[in-house]
N, C-alpha and C. Protein backbone atom coordinates (compact mmCIF):
# COMPACT_ATOMS: atom_id res chain seq x y z
N MET A 1 88.73 103.72 74.40
CA MET A 1 89.09 103.53 75.81
C MET A 1 87.88 103.83 76.69
N SER A 2 87.69 102.99 77.69
CA SER A 2 86.59 103.16 78.63
C SER A 2 86.85 104.34 79.55
N HIS A 3 85.77 104.88 80.07
CA HIS A 3 85.87 105.98 81.04
C HIS A 3 85.35 105.53 82.40
N ARG A 4 85.03 104.26 82.54
CA ARG A 4 84.38 103.76 83.76
C ARG A 4 85.35 103.61 84.93
N VAL A 5 84.80 103.84 86.11
CA VAL A 5 85.52 103.59 87.35
C VAL A 5 84.85 102.40 88.02
N VAL A 6 85.63 101.44 88.46
CA VAL A 6 85.10 100.29 89.19
C VAL A 6 85.53 100.45 90.64
N ALA A 7 84.59 100.28 91.56
CA ALA A 7 84.88 100.34 93.00
C ALA A 7 84.73 98.95 93.59
N LEU A 8 85.62 98.63 94.52
CA LEU A 8 85.61 97.33 95.18
C LEU A 8 85.53 97.52 96.69
N ASP A 9 84.62 96.78 97.31
CA ASP A 9 84.53 96.71 98.76
C ASP A 9 85.04 95.33 99.14
N TYR A 10 86.34 95.24 99.40
CA TYR A 10 87.01 93.95 99.59
C TYR A 10 86.70 93.32 100.94
N GLY A 11 86.45 92.04 100.88
CA GLY A 11 86.37 91.18 102.05
C GLY A 11 86.84 89.81 101.58
N SER A 12 87.45 89.03 102.45
CA SER A 12 87.98 87.74 102.01
C SER A 12 86.88 86.77 101.58
N ALA A 13 85.67 86.92 102.12
CA ALA A 13 84.56 86.06 101.72
C ALA A 13 83.85 86.57 100.46
N ARG A 14 83.68 87.89 100.36
CA ARG A 14 82.99 88.51 99.23
C ARG A 14 83.63 89.85 98.93
N CYS A 15 83.63 90.19 97.66
CA CYS A 15 84.12 91.51 97.25
C CYS A 15 82.98 92.20 96.53
N GLY A 16 82.45 93.26 97.15
CA GLY A 16 81.41 94.04 96.50
C GLY A 16 81.99 94.80 95.32
N VAL A 17 81.19 94.92 94.27
CA VAL A 17 81.64 95.58 93.04
C VAL A 17 80.58 96.58 92.60
N ALA A 18 81.05 97.76 92.21
CA ALA A 18 80.17 98.77 91.62
C ALA A 18 80.92 99.40 90.46
N VAL A 19 80.16 99.94 89.51
CA VAL A 19 80.77 100.54 88.32
C VAL A 19 80.09 101.86 88.01
N SER A 20 80.88 102.80 87.54
CA SER A 20 80.30 104.08 87.13
C SER A 20 79.81 103.97 85.69
N ASP A 21 78.97 104.91 85.31
CA ASP A 21 78.61 105.04 83.90
C ASP A 21 79.80 105.69 83.19
N PRO A 22 79.81 105.72 81.86
CA PRO A 22 80.95 106.29 81.13
C PRO A 22 81.22 107.76 81.44
N THR A 23 80.20 108.51 81.90
CA THR A 23 80.42 109.91 82.22
C THR A 23 80.91 110.10 83.65
N ARG A 24 81.04 109.01 84.37
CA ARG A 24 81.48 109.03 85.77
C ARG A 24 80.57 109.88 86.65
N THR A 25 79.28 109.69 86.42
CA THR A 25 78.28 110.42 87.17
C THR A 25 77.50 109.50 88.11
N LEU A 26 77.15 108.32 87.65
CA LEU A 26 76.32 107.37 88.41
C LEU A 26 77.13 106.16 88.84
N ALA A 27 76.79 105.61 89.99
CA ALA A 27 77.41 104.38 90.50
C ALA A 27 76.36 103.30 90.59
N THR A 28 76.64 102.15 90.00
CA THR A 28 75.69 101.04 89.99
C THR A 28 76.33 99.79 90.59
N PRO A 29 75.68 99.20 91.61
CA PRO A 29 76.21 97.95 92.15
C PRO A 29 75.99 96.80 91.17
N VAL A 30 76.95 95.90 91.09
CA VAL A 30 76.81 94.68 90.28
C VAL A 30 77.08 93.50 91.21
N ASP A 31 76.92 92.29 90.70
CA ASP A 31 77.08 91.11 91.54
C ASP A 31 78.46 91.07 92.20
N PRO A 32 78.50 90.72 93.49
CA PRO A 32 79.79 90.60 94.17
C PRO A 32 80.54 89.37 93.66
N VAL A 33 81.83 89.34 93.90
CA VAL A 33 82.66 88.19 93.57
C VAL A 33 82.96 87.45 94.87
N LEU A 34 82.68 86.16 94.88
CA LEU A 34 82.90 85.35 96.07
C LEU A 34 84.36 84.92 96.19
N ALA A 35 84.82 84.82 97.40
CA ALA A 35 86.15 84.31 97.76
C ALA A 35 87.27 84.98 96.96
N PRO A 36 87.34 86.32 96.96
CA PRO A 36 88.38 86.99 96.18
C PRO A 36 89.80 86.77 96.72
N ALA A 37 89.92 86.24 97.93
CA ALA A 37 91.24 85.97 98.50
C ALA A 37 91.84 84.68 97.95
N THR A 38 91.01 83.83 97.33
CA THR A 38 91.51 82.59 96.75
C THR A 38 91.99 82.84 95.32
N ARG A 39 92.80 81.93 94.81
CA ARG A 39 93.30 82.09 93.44
C ARG A 39 92.15 82.14 92.44
N ARG A 40 91.18 81.25 92.57
CA ARG A 40 90.05 81.20 91.64
C ARG A 40 89.19 82.46 91.77
N GLY A 41 88.90 82.86 93.01
CA GLY A 41 88.08 84.05 93.22
C GLY A 41 88.77 85.31 92.72
N PHE A 42 90.07 85.40 92.95
CA PHE A 42 90.83 86.55 92.48
C PHE A 42 90.81 86.60 90.95
N GLY A 43 90.95 85.45 90.32
CA GLY A 43 90.88 85.38 88.85
C GLY A 43 89.52 85.85 88.35
N ARG A 44 88.45 85.44 89.05
CA ARG A 44 87.10 85.90 88.66
C ARG A 44 86.99 87.41 88.80
N LEU A 45 87.57 87.96 89.87
CA LEU A 45 87.49 89.40 90.09
C LEU A 45 88.26 90.16 89.01
N VAL A 46 89.45 89.71 88.68
CA VAL A 46 90.25 90.35 87.62
C VAL A 46 89.47 90.29 86.30
N ALA A 47 88.86 89.15 86.01
CA ALA A 47 88.06 89.03 84.78
C ALA A 47 86.88 89.99 84.80
N ARG A 48 86.21 90.12 85.95
CA ARG A 48 85.06 91.03 86.07
C ARG A 48 85.49 92.47 85.81
N ILE A 49 86.62 92.88 86.38
CA ILE A 49 87.12 94.23 86.17
C ILE A 49 87.38 94.46 84.68
N GLY A 50 87.92 93.46 84.01
CA GLY A 50 88.14 93.56 82.57
C GLY A 50 86.84 93.67 81.80
N GLU A 51 85.85 92.86 82.17
CA GLU A 51 84.54 92.90 81.51
C GLU A 51 83.88 94.27 81.66
N LEU A 52 84.09 94.90 82.80
CA LEU A 52 83.48 96.20 83.07
C LEU A 52 84.26 97.34 82.41
N GLU A 53 85.36 97.02 81.76
CA GLU A 53 86.18 97.98 81.02
C GLU A 53 86.60 99.17 81.90
N ALA A 54 87.18 98.85 83.04
CA ALA A 54 87.59 99.88 83.98
C ALA A 54 88.79 100.66 83.46
N ALA A 55 88.70 101.98 83.58
CA ALA A 55 89.85 102.86 83.33
C ALA A 55 90.58 103.14 84.63
N LEU A 56 89.89 102.89 85.75
CA LEU A 56 90.43 103.14 87.08
C LEU A 56 89.69 102.24 88.06
N VAL A 57 90.41 101.73 89.06
CA VAL A 57 89.80 100.91 90.11
C VAL A 57 90.01 101.63 91.44
N VAL A 58 88.94 101.75 92.21
CA VAL A 58 89.00 102.34 93.55
C VAL A 58 88.66 101.24 94.54
N VAL A 59 89.55 101.02 95.50
CA VAL A 59 89.35 99.97 96.50
C VAL A 59 89.11 100.63 97.84
N GLY A 60 88.05 100.23 98.52
CA GLY A 60 87.76 100.75 99.84
C GLY A 60 88.80 100.32 100.85
N LEU A 61 89.31 101.28 101.62
CA LEU A 61 90.31 101.01 102.64
C LEU A 61 89.64 101.08 104.00
N PRO A 62 89.54 99.94 104.70
CA PRO A 62 88.82 99.90 105.98
C PRO A 62 89.67 100.39 107.16
N LEU A 63 89.79 101.69 107.27
CA LEU A 63 90.51 102.27 108.40
C LEU A 63 89.67 102.15 109.67
N SER A 64 90.32 102.15 110.81
CA SER A 64 89.58 102.16 112.07
C SER A 64 88.94 103.54 112.24
N LEU A 65 88.06 103.68 113.19
CA LEU A 65 87.39 104.96 113.40
C LEU A 65 88.39 106.08 113.68
N SER A 66 89.52 105.74 114.30
CA SER A 66 90.55 106.75 114.59
C SER A 66 91.39 107.07 113.37
N GLY A 67 91.22 106.31 112.29
CA GLY A 67 92.01 106.52 111.08
C GLY A 67 93.23 105.63 111.02
N ALA A 68 93.44 104.80 112.04
CA ALA A 68 94.60 103.92 112.08
C ALA A 68 94.34 102.64 111.29
N ASP A 69 95.42 101.96 110.94
CA ASP A 69 95.30 100.68 110.26
C ASP A 69 94.86 99.60 111.25
N SER A 70 94.16 98.62 110.71
CA SER A 70 93.74 97.45 111.48
C SER A 70 94.22 96.21 110.71
N ALA A 71 93.93 95.04 111.23
CA ALA A 71 94.29 93.81 110.52
C ALA A 71 93.61 93.78 109.15
N GLN A 72 92.34 94.21 109.09
CA GLN A 72 91.62 94.23 107.82
C GLN A 72 92.24 95.25 106.87
N THR A 73 92.73 96.36 107.39
CA THR A 73 93.39 97.36 106.55
C THR A 73 94.63 96.75 105.90
N ARG A 74 95.42 96.05 106.69
CA ARG A 74 96.65 95.43 106.18
C ARG A 74 96.32 94.37 105.13
N GLU A 75 95.26 93.57 105.38
CA GLU A 75 94.85 92.56 104.40
C GLU A 75 94.40 93.24 103.10
N THR A 76 93.69 94.34 103.22
CA THR A 76 93.23 95.06 102.03
C THR A 76 94.40 95.66 101.26
N ARG A 77 95.38 96.18 101.96
CA ARG A 77 96.58 96.72 101.29
C ARG A 77 97.30 95.61 100.49
N ALA A 78 97.38 94.41 101.06
CA ALA A 78 98.00 93.29 100.35
C ALA A 78 97.16 92.92 99.12
N PHE A 79 95.84 92.96 99.24
CA PHE A 79 94.94 92.70 98.12
C PHE A 79 95.16 93.75 97.02
N VAL A 80 95.29 95.01 97.39
CA VAL A 80 95.53 96.08 96.42
C VAL A 80 96.84 95.82 95.67
N GLN A 81 97.85 95.37 96.38
CA GLN A 81 99.12 95.08 95.71
C GLN A 81 98.96 93.94 94.71
N ARG A 82 98.19 92.91 95.07
CA ARG A 82 97.92 91.81 94.13
C ARG A 82 97.22 92.35 92.89
N LEU A 83 96.26 93.26 93.08
CA LEU A 83 95.58 93.86 91.92
C LEU A 83 96.57 94.63 91.05
N ARG A 84 97.43 95.42 91.69
CA ARG A 84 98.41 96.21 90.93
C ARG A 84 99.34 95.31 90.13
N ASP A 85 99.64 94.15 90.67
CA ASP A 85 100.50 93.20 89.97
C ASP A 85 99.82 92.58 88.76
N ARG A 86 98.49 92.55 88.74
CA ARG A 86 97.75 91.88 87.66
C ARG A 86 97.07 92.81 86.67
N LEU A 87 96.76 94.03 87.07
CA LEU A 87 95.97 94.92 86.21
C LEU A 87 96.84 96.01 85.60
N ASN A 88 96.44 96.47 84.44
CA ASN A 88 97.13 97.57 83.78
C ASN A 88 96.31 98.85 83.84
N VAL A 89 95.63 99.07 84.96
CA VAL A 89 94.87 100.30 85.16
C VAL A 89 95.27 100.88 86.51
N PRO A 90 95.17 102.19 86.68
CA PRO A 90 95.48 102.78 87.98
C PRO A 90 94.55 102.25 89.06
N ILE A 91 95.09 102.11 90.25
CA ILE A 91 94.31 101.64 91.39
C ILE A 91 94.52 102.63 92.53
N GLU A 92 93.42 103.09 93.10
CA GLU A 92 93.46 104.01 94.23
C GLU A 92 92.75 103.36 95.41
N VAL A 93 93.15 103.74 96.61
CA VAL A 93 92.40 103.33 97.79
C VAL A 93 91.62 104.54 98.29
N TYR A 94 90.49 104.25 98.94
CA TYR A 94 89.59 105.32 99.39
C TYR A 94 89.02 104.92 100.74
N ASP A 95 89.03 105.83 101.68
CA ASP A 95 88.52 105.58 103.03
C ASP A 95 87.07 105.09 102.95
N GLU A 96 86.84 103.89 103.44
CA GLU A 96 85.49 103.32 103.33
C GLU A 96 84.72 103.30 104.65
N ARG A 97 85.21 104.01 105.65
CA ARG A 97 84.48 104.00 106.91
C ARG A 97 83.02 104.39 106.67
N PHE A 98 82.13 103.63 107.25
CA PHE A 98 80.68 103.86 107.24
C PHE A 98 79.99 103.45 105.94
N THR A 99 80.71 103.00 104.90
CA THR A 99 80.03 102.66 103.64
C THR A 99 79.08 101.49 103.82
N THR A 100 79.48 100.47 104.58
CA THR A 100 78.60 99.32 104.77
C THR A 100 77.36 99.72 105.56
N LYS A 101 77.54 100.57 106.57
CA LYS A 101 76.40 101.03 107.36
C LYS A 101 75.44 101.82 106.48
N LEU A 102 75.96 102.71 105.64
CA LEU A 102 75.12 103.48 104.73
C LEU A 102 74.44 102.57 103.71
N ALA A 103 75.14 101.57 103.22
CA ALA A 103 74.55 100.64 102.27
C ALA A 103 73.43 99.85 102.91
N HIS A 104 73.62 99.46 104.18
CA HIS A 104 72.58 98.71 104.89
C HIS A 104 71.32 99.56 105.04
N ARG A 105 71.49 100.83 105.35
CA ARG A 105 70.34 101.74 105.51
C ARG A 105 69.63 101.99 104.19
N SER A 106 70.39 102.00 103.09
CA SER A 106 69.79 102.33 101.79
C SER A 106 68.92 101.21 101.25
N GLY A 107 69.21 99.97 101.65
CA GLY A 107 68.43 98.85 101.16
C GLY A 107 68.61 98.67 99.67
N GLY A 108 67.76 97.86 99.08
CA GLY A 108 67.83 97.62 97.64
C GLY A 108 67.99 96.15 97.35
N ALA A 109 67.89 95.81 96.08
CA ALA A 109 67.94 94.41 95.66
C ALA A 109 69.38 93.89 95.53
N ALA A 110 70.34 94.76 95.31
CA ALA A 110 71.73 94.33 95.13
C ALA A 110 72.30 93.84 96.45
N ALA A 111 73.31 92.99 96.36
CA ALA A 111 73.99 92.49 97.56
C ALA A 111 74.56 93.66 98.36
N GLU A 112 74.54 93.53 99.68
CA GLU A 112 75.00 94.63 100.53
C GLU A 112 76.46 95.01 100.25
N ASP A 113 77.31 94.02 99.96
CA ASP A 113 78.71 94.33 99.67
C ASP A 113 78.82 95.21 98.42
N SER A 114 78.02 94.93 97.42
CA SER A 114 78.06 95.74 96.20
C SER A 114 77.38 97.09 96.40
N ARG A 115 76.36 97.13 97.26
CA ARG A 115 75.78 98.45 97.59
C ARG A 115 76.81 99.30 98.33
N ALA A 116 77.61 98.66 99.21
CA ALA A 116 78.68 99.39 99.90
C ALA A 116 79.71 99.89 98.89
N ALA A 117 80.02 99.08 97.88
CA ALA A 117 80.95 99.53 96.83
C ALA A 117 80.36 100.71 96.07
N ALA A 118 79.05 100.71 95.85
CA ALA A 118 78.40 101.83 95.16
C ALA A 118 78.45 103.10 96.01
N VAL A 119 78.24 102.97 97.33
CA VAL A 119 78.35 104.12 98.23
C VAL A 119 79.77 104.66 98.19
N LEU A 120 80.73 103.76 98.23
CA LEU A 120 82.14 104.13 98.13
C LEU A 120 82.41 104.89 96.82
N LEU A 121 81.90 104.36 95.72
CA LEU A 121 82.12 104.98 94.41
C LEU A 121 81.43 106.34 94.32
N GLU A 122 80.22 106.44 94.87
CA GLU A 122 79.53 107.74 94.88
C GLU A 122 80.36 108.78 95.63
N GLY A 123 80.94 108.37 96.76
CA GLY A 123 81.80 109.28 97.53
C GLY A 123 83.03 109.68 96.74
N TRP A 124 83.65 108.71 96.08
CA TRP A 124 84.84 109.00 95.29
C TRP A 124 84.50 109.96 94.15
N LEU A 125 83.40 109.69 93.45
CA LEU A 125 82.99 110.56 92.34
C LEU A 125 82.69 111.97 92.83
N ALA A 126 82.07 112.09 94.00
CA ALA A 126 81.74 113.42 94.55
C ALA A 126 83.01 114.19 94.91
N ARG A 127 84.05 113.48 95.37
CA ARG A 127 85.31 114.15 95.75
C ARG A 127 86.20 114.41 94.55
N ASN A 128 85.85 113.86 93.41
CA ASN A 128 86.64 114.01 92.19
C ASN A 128 85.77 114.55 91.07
N PRO A 129 85.20 115.75 91.24
CA PRO A 129 84.27 116.26 90.22
C PRO A 129 84.94 116.43 88.86
N SER A 130 86.24 116.62 88.82
CA SER A 130 86.91 116.73 87.53
C SER A 130 86.93 115.40 86.79
N ALA A 131 86.56 114.31 87.49
CA ALA A 131 86.54 113.00 86.86
C ALA A 131 85.34 112.82 85.94
N ALA A 132 84.29 113.60 86.14
CA ALA A 132 83.09 113.44 85.32
C ALA A 132 83.42 113.67 83.86
N GLY A 133 83.14 112.67 83.05
CA GLY A 133 83.37 112.77 81.62
C GLY A 133 84.84 112.74 81.24
N ALA A 134 85.70 112.38 82.19
CA ALA A 134 87.14 112.37 81.91
C ALA A 134 87.46 111.31 80.86
N PRO A 135 88.44 111.55 80.02
CA PRO A 135 88.77 110.61 78.96
C PRO A 135 89.54 109.39 79.43
N GLY A 136 89.92 109.32 80.67
CA GLY A 136 90.67 108.17 81.17
C GLY A 136 90.96 108.36 82.64
N PRO A 137 92.01 107.74 83.14
CA PRO A 137 92.32 107.85 84.56
C PRO A 137 92.62 109.29 84.96
N ILE A 138 92.39 109.57 86.21
CA ILE A 138 92.66 110.90 86.75
C ILE A 138 94.15 110.98 87.03
N SER A 139 94.82 111.97 86.50
CA SER A 139 96.26 112.07 86.69
C SER A 139 96.61 112.91 87.90
N ASP A 140 95.74 113.80 88.31
CA ASP A 140 96.05 114.68 89.43
C ASP A 140 95.02 114.54 90.54
N SER A 141 94.64 113.31 90.84
CA SER A 141 93.63 113.11 91.88
C SER A 141 94.19 113.49 93.23
N PRO A 142 93.34 114.01 94.11
CA PRO A 142 93.80 114.48 95.41
C PRO A 142 94.24 113.34 96.31
N GLY A 143 95.18 113.64 97.19
CA GLY A 143 95.58 112.68 98.20
C GLY A 143 96.48 111.59 97.66
N THR A 144 97.75 111.73 97.83
CA THR A 144 98.65 110.69 97.37
C THR A 144 99.34 110.00 98.54
N SER A 145 98.75 110.08 99.70
CA SER A 145 99.30 109.39 100.86
C SER A 145 98.21 108.54 101.48
N ASP A 146 98.56 107.86 102.54
CA ASP A 146 97.57 107.03 103.23
C ASP A 146 96.87 107.78 104.34
N GLU A 147 96.95 109.09 104.34
CA GLU A 147 96.23 109.88 105.33
C GLU A 147 94.74 109.65 105.13
N PRO A 148 93.97 109.55 106.21
CA PRO A 148 92.54 109.26 106.07
C PRO A 148 91.75 110.40 105.43
N HIS A 149 92.33 111.62 105.42
CA HIS A 149 91.61 112.73 104.79
C HIS A 149 92.60 113.59 104.04
N PRO A 150 92.48 113.84 102.77
CA PRO A 150 91.35 113.44 101.95
C PRO A 150 91.30 111.93 101.76
N ASN A 151 90.15 111.46 101.34
CA ASN A 151 89.90 110.03 101.31
C ASN A 151 90.64 109.26 100.22
N THR A 152 91.03 109.89 99.16
CA THR A 152 91.62 109.18 98.05
C THR A 152 93.11 109.02 98.22
N SER A 153 93.63 107.85 97.86
CA SER A 153 95.06 107.60 97.93
C SER A 153 95.45 106.68 96.80
N THR A 154 96.63 106.90 96.25
CA THR A 154 97.15 105.99 95.25
C THR A 154 98.17 105.05 95.87
N ASP A 155 98.47 105.22 97.15
CA ASP A 155 99.39 104.32 97.84
C ASP A 155 98.64 103.13 98.39
N ALA A 156 99.32 102.02 98.54
CA ALA A 156 98.66 100.84 99.11
C ALA A 156 99.16 100.56 100.48
């Protein structure tokens, strides 16, 4: 069984993707998936998650600065539900405010959406230190509501 965590920075045009190493210590951006809101793009994304052997998927939740839901938040929640309907791995949402801005500042060769997913994953890994080297999904991860803090949520 894989120990990897895959993070997604969802957007209807592109979905940034990052993956942890098996020890859940490092986050690496990989190629984004185009048009994940379409049937074909969603299929490509599901296949990519399978190829990366994810034990857990973390999806960035784009809350407004006040922590309230926006139209993009609602679209992302619907996307998370589609993932839950197709995947047999736990899926969590994580507050992604500022990840794109941080990814833009960090630069690098990877696509900005995937760098944002890597920033998101680094944040998730830092907030879940018990996840390092874990044998599978985290069973007692913090935050089981959609409250913006703590950042992790298993609700969509």
